[in-house]
């Protein structure tokens, strides 16, 4: 698709038609991963004339990419200085640095390298590499994992990072060997330990070892990314956070809220993951607040609004601080963010 100009234009036009039809904010291109033969073509794809037109028509529309964190893949497939001219943000997938494909334990998404490690498989080195190769720091977005990577330890008494092991069995819901969602890890009732070199926790339960992120490690990452001038953070994935609040005193999405609060500089008030038995490694209390969403949904079944078309966003004819989101012909009444009114020119 990216190999010639005609195909690139065809893809860009179809993508933009889709964005405009369904009122999306833009497009995120997740190509895992361009190889050396596609390096030039990938940069050209992002410069396709229709994407340029998209930016010219409305600077509200975004063109973003999801990218590798491994310097070898970066060198092979990304013309960083050229890509920087075409994209708004670069979502760097700073996770899966280690996993059960290796026969030893390792942190899924460490902030820094462990002692004696020279692989640069960590968040700080990956982000630094993109910046050093020409991507403006403010366009670089740090990836945060809401899941962990796990092993069965060969020797339950050898619990260090780097201890020999094999893939942990799948958990109840995710059911994938060697990984578990945060909402599964946080209720394991294991012993939580803190890796002060890599600035991330791990949990021990019988002969199981999982490296993951929690509120404490995410706060550290948010402080670090702000100090280094990076643009923000994204998560993979929303449905693996504690969306029911089972480990956070009923507070839903604790990891997502930790990111939001950290970027906004808000204080914190709760301990990460209530059910975790932290043993002698209990971290200091971390404060957090649970923010209220700016956009609220009203009682959607008690209105007389008729959707002009099956899908899309439409102004509320009776109240300029509200709008309707129509989904398959059903109108959902929504409030604009505080202090804002509906703009009929941009349809938002």
Foldseek 3Di string as FASTA:
>chain_A
DLPDLVVLLVVLVVQVVVCVVFVHQEDEAEDPAAFQVCQVSVLVSLVRPSLVVVCVVDVSHFYEYEYELQVVRCVGHYQLQSNLVRGQAYEYAQFCLDAQVDQFAAAGEFQADDPPDDRLSHQVSSLVSSVVSHHPQQRYAYEFEQKKFKFQAPDQVPQDGGGGTHWDAADDPVRDTGMAFNLRVLQLQFAWAADVRRQWIWTDDRRMIITHHWLRSLLVVLVVSVVVNHNFYDYPPPVRAQQQCPFPVRQGRRSVQSRVCSNVVHFAAAQIGNSHNHDPRRDPGGGGDRDDDQKDWDDQVPDDDWDPDQAHKAADPVAQQWIWGHHRGGTIIMGHGPPDGADPVSRD
